[in-house]
N, C-alpha and C. Protein backbone atom coordinates (compact mmCIF):
# COMPACT_ATOMS: atom_id res chain seq x y z
N UNK A 1 2.48 18.05 20.53
CA UNK A 1 3.82 17.48 20.53
C UNK A 1 3.69 15.96 20.45
N UNK A 2 4.47 15.35 19.57
CA UNK A 2 4.46 13.91 19.42
C UNK A 2 5.53 13.31 20.32
N UNK A 3 5.19 12.25 21.01
CA UNK A 3 6.18 11.59 21.85
C UNK A 3 6.30 10.13 21.42
N UNK A 4 7.52 9.62 21.43
CA UNK A 4 7.77 8.24 21.03
C UNK A 4 9.01 7.74 21.76
N UNK A 5 8.82 7.08 22.88
CA UNK A 5 9.90 6.50 23.66
C UNK A 5 11.12 7.42 23.78
N UNK A 6 11.01 8.36 24.66
CA UNK A 6 12.09 9.31 24.94
C UNK A 6 12.43 10.20 23.75
N UNK A 7 11.48 10.43 22.87
CA UNK A 7 11.72 11.30 21.72
C UNK A 7 10.67 12.40 21.75
N UNK A 8 11.10 13.63 21.60
CA UNK A 8 10.18 14.76 21.55
C UNK A 8 10.35 15.47 20.23
N UNK A 9 9.28 15.59 19.47
CA UNK A 9 9.34 16.26 18.17
C UNK A 9 8.53 17.55 18.23
N UNK A 10 9.11 18.63 17.79
CA UNK A 10 8.37 19.87 17.70
C UNK A 10 7.37 19.75 16.55
N UNK A 11 6.21 20.33 16.71
CA UNK A 11 5.20 20.29 15.65
C UNK A 11 4.70 21.71 15.40
N UNK A 12 4.04 21.94 14.25
CA UNK A 12 3.55 23.29 13.97
C UNK A 12 2.54 23.77 15.01
N UNK A 13 1.77 22.85 15.61
CA UNK A 13 0.78 23.24 16.60
C UNK A 13 1.42 23.48 17.96
N UNK A 14 2.60 22.95 18.20
CA UNK A 14 3.30 23.16 19.46
C UNK A 14 4.79 23.26 19.17
N UNK A 15 5.24 24.41 18.66
CA UNK A 15 6.64 24.54 18.24
C UNK A 15 7.61 24.81 19.38
N UNK A 16 7.14 24.72 20.61
CA UNK A 16 8.02 25.02 21.73
C UNK A 16 9.11 23.97 21.84
N UNK A 17 10.25 24.42 22.27
CA UNK A 17 11.37 23.52 22.47
C UNK A 17 11.29 22.92 23.86
N UNK A 18 11.90 21.77 24.05
CA UNK A 18 11.87 21.15 25.37
C UNK A 18 12.66 21.96 26.39
N UNK A 19 12.33 21.75 27.63
CA UNK A 19 13.06 22.40 28.71
C UNK A 19 14.43 21.76 28.85
N UNK A 20 15.37 22.43 29.50
CA UNK A 20 16.69 21.80 29.72
C UNK A 20 16.59 20.44 30.40
N UNK A 21 15.63 20.28 31.30
CA UNK A 21 15.46 18.97 31.97
C UNK A 21 15.03 17.90 30.96
N UNK A 22 14.11 18.26 30.04
CA UNK A 22 13.67 17.30 29.02
C UNK A 22 14.81 16.91 28.09
N UNK A 23 15.70 17.86 27.79
CA UNK A 23 16.81 17.57 26.89
C UNK A 23 17.80 16.58 27.49
N UNK A 24 17.75 16.35 28.77
CA UNK A 24 18.63 15.38 29.39
C UNK A 24 18.27 13.96 28.98
N UNK A 25 16.99 13.73 28.63
CA UNK A 25 16.53 12.37 28.34
C UNK A 25 15.85 12.21 26.99
N UNK A 26 15.62 13.29 26.24
CA UNK A 26 14.86 13.21 25.01
C UNK A 26 15.65 13.75 23.82
N UNK A 27 15.30 13.26 22.65
CA UNK A 27 15.93 13.69 21.41
C UNK A 27 14.96 14.59 20.64
N UNK A 28 15.50 15.58 19.93
CA UNK A 28 14.67 16.51 19.19
C UNK A 28 15.17 16.65 17.77
N UNK A 29 14.26 16.51 16.81
CA UNK A 29 14.53 16.79 15.40
C UNK A 29 13.57 17.90 14.99
N UNK A 30 14.10 19.02 14.50
CA UNK A 30 13.21 20.08 14.06
C UNK A 30 13.84 20.83 12.91
N UNK A 31 13.05 21.46 12.06
CA UNK A 31 11.59 21.52 12.15
C UNK A 31 10.96 20.20 11.71
N UNK A 32 9.80 19.93 12.22
CA UNK A 32 9.03 18.75 11.84
C UNK A 32 7.57 19.15 11.80
N UNK A 33 6.95 19.24 10.62
CA UNK A 33 7.44 18.73 9.34
C UNK A 33 8.57 19.60 8.77
N UNK A 34 9.42 18.93 8.00
CA UNK A 34 10.56 19.59 7.38
C UNK A 34 10.15 20.07 5.99
N UNK A 35 10.48 21.32 5.65
CA UNK A 35 10.20 21.83 4.31
C UNK A 35 11.50 22.17 3.59
N UNK A 36 12.30 23.04 4.19
CA UNK A 36 13.60 23.40 3.62
C UNK A 36 14.40 24.11 4.68
N UNK A 37 15.67 24.37 4.38
CA UNK A 37 16.52 25.05 5.33
C UNK A 37 17.25 24.08 6.25
N UNK A 38 17.84 24.62 7.28
CA UNK A 38 18.67 23.82 8.18
C UNK A 38 17.82 22.91 9.06
N UNK A 39 18.15 21.63 9.08
CA UNK A 39 17.53 20.68 10.01
C UNK A 39 18.42 20.59 11.23
N UNK A 40 17.80 20.44 12.39
CA UNK A 40 18.57 20.36 13.62
C UNK A 40 18.20 19.08 14.37
N UNK A 41 19.22 18.42 14.87
CA UNK A 41 19.06 17.22 15.67
C UNK A 41 19.75 17.46 17.00
N UNK A 42 18.99 17.39 18.08
CA UNK A 42 19.56 17.59 19.41
C UNK A 42 19.52 16.25 20.15
N UNK A 43 20.68 15.81 20.58
CA UNK A 43 20.79 14.55 21.31
C UNK A 43 20.59 14.77 22.79
N UNK A 44 20.10 13.74 23.50
CA UNK A 44 20.03 13.85 24.95
C UNK A 44 21.42 14.05 25.55
N UNK A 45 21.43 14.68 26.69
CA UNK A 45 22.68 14.92 27.40
C UNK A 45 23.43 13.60 27.60
N UNK A 46 24.73 13.62 27.45
CA UNK A 46 25.60 12.47 27.68
C UNK A 46 25.45 11.36 26.65
N UNK A 47 24.88 11.64 25.47
CA UNK A 47 24.85 10.65 24.40
C UNK A 47 25.68 11.17 23.23
N UNK A 48 26.42 10.26 22.61
CA UNK A 48 27.27 10.62 21.48
C UNK A 48 26.73 9.93 20.22
N UNK A 49 26.61 10.69 19.14
CA UNK A 49 26.10 10.18 17.88
C UNK A 49 27.08 9.19 17.26
N UNK A 50 26.53 8.06 16.79
CA UNK A 50 27.35 7.09 16.06
C UNK A 50 26.99 7.06 14.58
N UNK A 51 25.68 6.97 14.25
CA UNK A 51 25.29 7.03 12.84
C UNK A 51 23.82 7.38 12.69
N UNK A 52 23.45 7.78 11.47
CA UNK A 52 22.09 8.15 11.12
C UNK A 52 21.67 7.37 9.89
N UNK A 53 20.41 6.94 9.87
CA UNK A 53 19.85 6.27 8.69
C UNK A 53 18.44 6.79 8.47
N UNK A 54 18.06 6.90 7.20
CA UNK A 54 16.70 7.32 6.85
C UNK A 54 16.01 6.14 6.19
N UNK A 55 14.81 5.83 6.68
CA UNK A 55 13.99 4.74 6.14
C UNK A 55 12.66 5.31 5.67
N UNK A 56 12.07 4.69 4.64
CA UNK A 56 10.71 5.04 4.28
C UNK A 56 9.77 4.26 5.21
N UNK A 57 8.48 4.50 5.10
CA UNK A 57 7.52 3.88 6.01
C UNK A 57 7.32 2.38 5.74
N UNK A 58 7.89 1.88 4.63
CA UNK A 58 7.86 0.44 4.36
C UNK A 58 9.10 -0.25 4.91
N UNK A 59 9.97 0.51 5.55
CA UNK A 59 11.16 -0.07 6.16
C UNK A 59 12.37 -0.18 5.25
N UNK A 60 12.29 0.43 4.07
CA UNK A 60 13.42 0.39 3.14
C UNK A 60 14.45 1.46 3.52
N UNK A 61 15.70 1.05 3.60
CA UNK A 61 16.79 1.97 3.90
C UNK A 61 17.01 2.88 2.69
N UNK A 62 16.92 4.19 2.90
CA UNK A 62 17.10 5.16 1.83
C UNK A 62 18.48 5.80 1.86
N UNK A 63 19.03 5.98 3.05
CA UNK A 63 20.32 6.66 3.16
C UNK A 63 20.98 6.36 4.49
N UNK A 64 22.29 6.25 4.47
CA UNK A 64 23.12 6.22 5.67
C UNK A 64 23.96 7.48 5.60
N UNK A 65 23.96 8.27 6.66
CA UNK A 65 24.59 9.57 6.59
C UNK A 65 25.21 9.98 7.92
N UNK A 66 25.92 11.11 7.87
CA UNK A 66 26.46 11.70 9.08
C UNK A 66 25.74 13.02 9.31
N UNK A 67 25.94 13.62 10.45
CA UNK A 67 25.21 14.83 10.80
C UNK A 67 25.40 15.97 9.82
N UNK A 68 26.62 16.23 9.31
CA UNK A 68 26.76 17.35 8.36
C UNK A 68 25.96 17.18 7.07
N UNK A 69 25.61 15.96 6.68
CA UNK A 69 24.86 15.76 5.43
C UNK A 69 23.35 15.60 5.67
N UNK A 70 22.88 15.73 6.91
CA UNK A 70 21.47 15.51 7.22
C UNK A 70 20.56 16.45 6.43
N UNK A 71 20.84 17.75 6.44
CA UNK A 71 19.99 18.71 5.74
C UNK A 71 19.93 18.41 4.25
N UNK A 72 21.07 18.13 3.62
CA UNK A 72 21.09 17.84 2.18
C UNK A 72 20.25 16.62 1.86
N UNK A 73 20.33 15.57 2.67
CA UNK A 73 19.53 14.36 2.43
C UNK A 73 18.05 14.64 2.60
N UNK A 74 17.67 15.42 3.61
CA UNK A 74 16.26 15.74 3.82
C UNK A 74 15.71 16.54 2.65
N UNK A 75 16.49 17.48 2.14
CA UNK A 75 16.03 18.29 1.02
C UNK A 75 15.83 17.46 -0.24
N UNK A 76 16.61 16.40 -0.41
CA UNK A 76 16.52 15.56 -1.60
C UNK A 76 15.35 14.57 -1.57
N UNK A 77 14.75 14.36 -0.40
CA UNK A 77 13.65 13.41 -0.29
C UNK A 77 12.38 13.94 -0.92
N UNK A 78 11.57 13.06 -1.53
CA UNK A 78 10.25 13.50 -1.97
C UNK A 78 9.34 13.70 -0.75
N UNK A 79 8.24 14.41 -0.95
CA UNK A 79 7.30 14.62 0.15
C UNK A 79 6.81 13.28 0.67
N UNK A 80 6.65 13.18 2.00
CA UNK A 80 6.16 11.96 2.60
C UNK A 80 6.58 11.84 4.05
N UNK A 81 6.30 10.68 4.64
CA UNK A 81 6.65 10.39 6.02
C UNK A 81 7.83 9.43 6.04
N UNK A 82 8.77 9.66 6.97
CA UNK A 82 10.00 8.89 7.05
C UNK A 82 10.36 8.60 8.50
N UNK A 83 11.34 7.73 8.67
CA UNK A 83 11.90 7.45 9.98
C UNK A 83 13.39 7.76 9.93
N UNK A 84 13.83 8.59 10.86
CA UNK A 84 15.26 8.85 11.03
C UNK A 84 15.72 7.98 12.18
N UNK A 85 16.59 7.03 11.88
CA UNK A 85 17.13 6.14 12.91
C UNK A 85 18.46 6.74 13.38
N UNK A 86 18.54 7.00 14.67
CA UNK A 86 19.71 7.64 15.25
C UNK A 86 20.35 6.68 16.25
N UNK A 87 21.54 6.22 15.92
CA UNK A 87 22.28 5.33 16.82
C UNK A 87 23.25 6.18 17.63
N UNK A 88 23.11 6.12 18.95
CA UNK A 88 24.06 6.79 19.83
C UNK A 88 24.87 5.71 20.54
N UNK A 89 25.78 6.14 21.38
CA UNK A 89 26.58 5.19 22.13
C UNK A 89 25.77 4.48 23.20
N UNK A 90 24.52 4.93 23.45
CA UNK A 90 23.71 4.34 24.52
C UNK A 90 22.44 3.66 24.04
N UNK A 91 21.84 4.15 22.95
CA UNK A 91 20.52 3.64 22.55
C UNK A 91 20.28 3.91 21.06
N UNK A 92 19.33 3.20 20.50
CA UNK A 92 18.88 3.41 19.13
C UNK A 92 17.55 4.14 19.18
N UNK A 93 17.49 5.34 18.60
CA UNK A 93 16.27 6.16 18.57
C UNK A 93 15.67 6.09 17.17
N UNK A 94 14.34 6.00 17.09
CA UNK A 94 13.63 6.07 15.82
C UNK A 94 12.70 7.28 15.86
N UNK A 95 12.97 8.25 15.00
CA UNK A 95 12.20 9.49 14.96
C UNK A 95 11.37 9.55 13.69
N UNK A 96 10.05 9.66 13.83
CA UNK A 96 9.20 9.84 12.66
C UNK A 96 9.22 11.31 12.29
N UNK A 97 9.32 11.59 10.97
CA UNK A 97 9.25 12.97 10.53
C UNK A 97 8.56 13.04 9.19
N UNK A 98 8.06 14.23 8.87
CA UNK A 98 7.35 14.47 7.62
C UNK A 98 8.16 15.44 6.78
N UNK A 99 8.28 15.13 5.50
CA UNK A 99 8.90 16.04 4.53
C UNK A 99 7.76 16.64 3.71
N UNK A 100 7.64 17.97 3.72
CA UNK A 100 6.58 18.65 2.96
C UNK A 100 7.16 19.35 1.76
């Protein structure tokens, strides 16, 4: 499992989901790596989503989106590593993910 400042990402080697206690403070994007199908983003308890942005690893903004368009944007990306920036009403989260 990869951890990055209050962020928990499911991985193929450890696909377990966080416990309810972990979900109070951590964000989850799965599946990761992403191949196709529905992408899911779980916010920590008591946080409200404000916006989402996808960046490449060079820091270039590729897309600004809302939650309903997340799966479509992920499917359109070429294979590679990206950062999903998630702005909530409390904090800015940066989630690394892989598109296969």
